[in-house]
């Protein structure tokens, strides 16, 4: 199961987030989302856990919990919707 973790401190990193979720089961992957231009964290991440029961337990335990000075917003990640993304306005610029 893929889990959305929002309202993270900008100091949170893969290691600290992994440590939080490993309390509830095995973590397969942690992806801290960064700004494409600055490379700085954007305040959210995705955690992947293969055991759905452990993932649900982690969501229940961490949603609304205080972590590194912030109140977390944690839920099952929704699939990315089609479309989105900006783009060049429809004409090329030379």
C-alpha atoms as a PDB file:
ATOM      1  CA  UNK A   1       0.000   0.000   0.000  1.00  0.00           C
ATOM      2  CA  UNK A   2       1.203   3.479  -0.838  1.00  0.00           C
ATOM      3  CA  UNK A   3       0.714   6.049   1.937  1.00  0.00           C
ATOM      4  CA  UNK A   4       0.612   9.838   1.595  1.00  0.00           C
ATOM      5  CA  UNK A   5       2.323  11.687   4.450  1.00  0.00           C
ATOM      6  CA  UNK A   6       1.620  15.424   4.468  1.00  0.00           C
ATOM      7  CA  UNK A   7       2.481  18.466   6.584  1.00  0.00           C
ATOM      8  CA  UNK A   8       6.027  17.219   7.171  1.00  0.00           C
ATOM      9  CA  UNK A   9       8.699  19.454   8.604  1.00  0.00           C
ATOM     10  CA  UNK A  10      11.135  20.592   5.935  1.00  0.00           C
ATOM     11  CA  UNK A  11      13.849  18.950   8.068  1.00  0.00           C
ATOM     12  CA  UNK A  12      12.196  15.511   7.790  1.00  0.00           C
ATOM     13  CA  UNK A  13      14.154  13.088   5.658  1.00  0.00           C
ATOM     14  CA  UNK A  14      13.874   9.535   4.385  1.00  0.00           C
ATOM     15  CA  UNK A  15      15.579   8.097   7.462  1.00  0.00           C
ATOM     16  CA  UNK A  16      13.368   9.826  10.055  1.00  0.00           C
ATOM     17  CA  UNK A  17      10.158   9.046   8.142  1.00  0.00           C
ATOM     18  CA  UNK A  18      11.203   5.410   7.695  1.00  0.00           C
ATOM     19  CA  UNK A  19      11.857   5.175  11.445  1.00  0.00           C
ATOM     20  CA  UNK A  20       8.361   6.467  12.212  1.00  0.00           C
ATOM     21  CA  UNK A  21       6.615   3.957   9.927  1.00  0.00           C
ATOM     22  CA  UNK A  22       8.852   0.962  10.737  1.00  0.00           C
ATOM     23  CA  UNK A  23       7.296   0.990  14.207  1.00  0.00           C
ATOM     24  CA  UNK A  24       4.232  -0.528  12.508  1.00  0.00           C
ATOM     25  CA  UNK A  25       5.794  -2.900   9.955  1.00  0.00           C
ATOM     26  CA  UNK A  26       8.295  -3.284   7.155  1.00  0.00           C
ATOM     27  CA  UNK A  27       8.764  -0.222   4.946  1.00  0.00           C
ATOM     28  CA  UNK A  28       9.592  -0.947   1.315  1.00  0.00           C
ATOM     29  CA  UNK A  29      10.213   2.611   0.137  1.00  0.00           C
ATOM     30  CA  UNK A  30      10.144   6.228   1.296  1.00  0.00           C
ATOM     31  CA  UNK A  31       9.989   8.972  -1.330  1.00  0.00           C
ATOM     32  CA  UNK A  32      10.420  12.514  -0.002  1.00  0.00           C
ATOM     33  CA  UNK A  33       9.056  14.853  -2.656  1.00  0.00           C
ATOM     34  CA  UNK A  34      11.335  17.764  -3.516  1.00  0.00           C
ATOM     35  CA  UNK A  35      10.897  20.940  -5.513  1.00  0.00           C
ATOM     36  CA  UNK A  36      12.134  20.379  -9.041  1.00  0.00           C
ATOM     37  CA  UNK A  37      13.843  23.800  -9.221  1.00  0.00           C
ATOM     38  CA  UNK A  38      15.362  24.157  -5.747  1.00  0.00           C
ATOM     39  CA  UNK A  39      15.740  20.530  -4.692  1.00  0.00           C
ATOM     40  CA  UNK A  40      14.271  21.390  -1.278  1.00  0.00           C
ATOM     41  CA  UNK A  41      11.622  19.160   0.337  1.00  0.00           C
ATOM     42  CA  UNK A  42       8.025  20.194  -0.410  1.00  0.00           C
ATOM     43  CA  UNK A  43       6.630  19.005   2.935  1.00  0.00           C
ATOM     44  CA  UNK A  44       5.197  15.668   1.897  1.00  0.00           C
ATOM     45  CA  UNK A  45       6.303  12.131   1.129  1.00  0.00           C
ATOM     46  CA  UNK A  46       5.043   8.731   0.073  1.00  0.00           C
ATOM     47  CA  UNK A  47       5.715   5.579   2.088  1.00  0.00           C
ATOM     48  CA  UNK A  48       5.198   2.122   0.577  1.00  0.00           C
ATOM     49  CA  UNK A  49       4.465  -0.863   2.802  1.00  0.00           C
ATOM     50  CA  UNK A  50       3.731  -4.301   1.301  1.00  0.00           C
ATOM     51  CA  UNK A  51       1.643  -5.495   4.272  1.00  0.00           C
ATOM     52  CA  UNK A  52      -1.722  -3.705   3.957  1.00  0.00           C
ATOM     53  CA  UNK A  53      -2.695  -4.426   7.574  1.00  0.00           C
ATOM     54  CA  UNK A  54       0.560  -2.890   8.826  1.00  0.00           C
ATOM     55  CA  UNK A  55       0.033   0.070   6.491  1.00  0.00           C
ATOM     56  CA  UNK A  56      -3.492   0.657   7.837  1.00  0.00           C
ATOM     57  CA  UNK A  57      -2.167   0.452  11.401  1.00  0.00           C
ATOM     58  CA  UNK A  58       0.550   2.965  10.527  1.00  0.00           C
ATOM     59  CA  UNK A  59      -1.998   5.350   8.994  1.00  0.00           C
ATOM     60  CA  UNK A  60      -4.238   5.122  12.052  1.00  0.00           C
ATOM     61  CA  UNK A  61      -1.331   5.653  14.451  1.00  0.00           C
ATOM     62  CA  UNK A  62       0.325   8.534  12.601  1.00  0.00           C
ATOM     63  CA  UNK A  63      -2.568  10.565  11.136  1.00  0.00           C
ATOM     64  CA  UNK A  64      -2.974  13.601  13.376  1.00  0.00           C
ATOM     65  CA  UNK A  65       0.144  12.706  15.367  1.00  0.00           C
ATOM     66  CA  UNK A  66       2.863  15.213  16.172  1.00  0.00           C
ATOM     67  CA  UNK A  67       6.153  14.512  14.344  1.00  0.00           C
ATOM     68  CA  UNK A  68       9.154  16.840  14.355  1.00  0.00           C
ATOM     69  CA  UNK A  69       6.977  19.748  15.494  1.00  0.00           C
ATOM     70  CA  UNK A  70       4.188  19.279  12.914  1.00  0.00           C
ATOM     71  CA  UNK A  71       0.793  17.554  12.986  1.00  0.00           C
ATOM     72  CA  UNK A  72       0.836  14.925  10.247  1.00  0.00           C
ATOM     73  CA  UNK A  73      -1.848  14.358   7.625  1.00  0.00           C
ATOM     74  CA  UNK A  74      -1.574  10.675   6.686  1.00  0.00           C
ATOM     75  CA  UNK A  75      -3.847   8.591   4.455  1.00  0.00           C
ATOM     76  CA  UNK A  76      -3.833   6.030   1.692  1.00  0.00           C
ATOM     77  CA  UNK A  77      -2.392   7.634  -1.425  1.00  0.00           C
ATOM     78  CA  UNK A  78      -4.866   8.143  -4.235  1.00  0.00           C
ATOM     79  CA  UNK A  79      -3.846   7.357  -7.803  1.00  0.00           C
ATOM     80  CA  UNK A  80      -2.545  10.299  -9.777  1.00  0.00           C
ATOM     81  CA  UNK A  81      -5.324  11.840 -11.860  1.00  0.00           C
ATOM     82  CA  UNK A  82      -5.038  12.181 -15.619  1.00  0.00           C
ATOM     83  CA  UNK A  83      -4.133  15.530 -17.083  1.00  0.00           C
ATOM     84  CA  UNK A  84      -2.721  18.153 -14.765  1.00  0.00           C
ATOM     85  CA  UNK A  85       0.708  19.603 -15.270  1.00  0.00           C
ATOM     86  CA  UNK A  86       1.218  22.925 -16.937  1.00  0.00           C
ATOM     87  CA  UNK A  87       2.967  23.411 -20.136  1.00  0.00           C
ATOM     88  CA  UNK A  88       4.162  25.933 -22.617  1.00  0.00           C
ATOM     89  CA  UNK A  89       0.916  27.618 -23.539  1.00  0.00           C
ATOM     90  CA  UNK A  90       0.581  25.881 -26.882  1.00  0.00           C
ATOM     91  CA  UNK A  91       3.158  27.680 -28.981  1.00  0.00           C
ATOM     92  CA  UNK A  92       6.878  27.439 -29.376  1.00  0.00           C
ATOM     93  CA  UNK A  93       9.142  30.338 -28.629  1.00  0.00           C
ATOM     94  CA  UNK A  94      12.299  30.871 -30.599  1.00  0.00           C
END
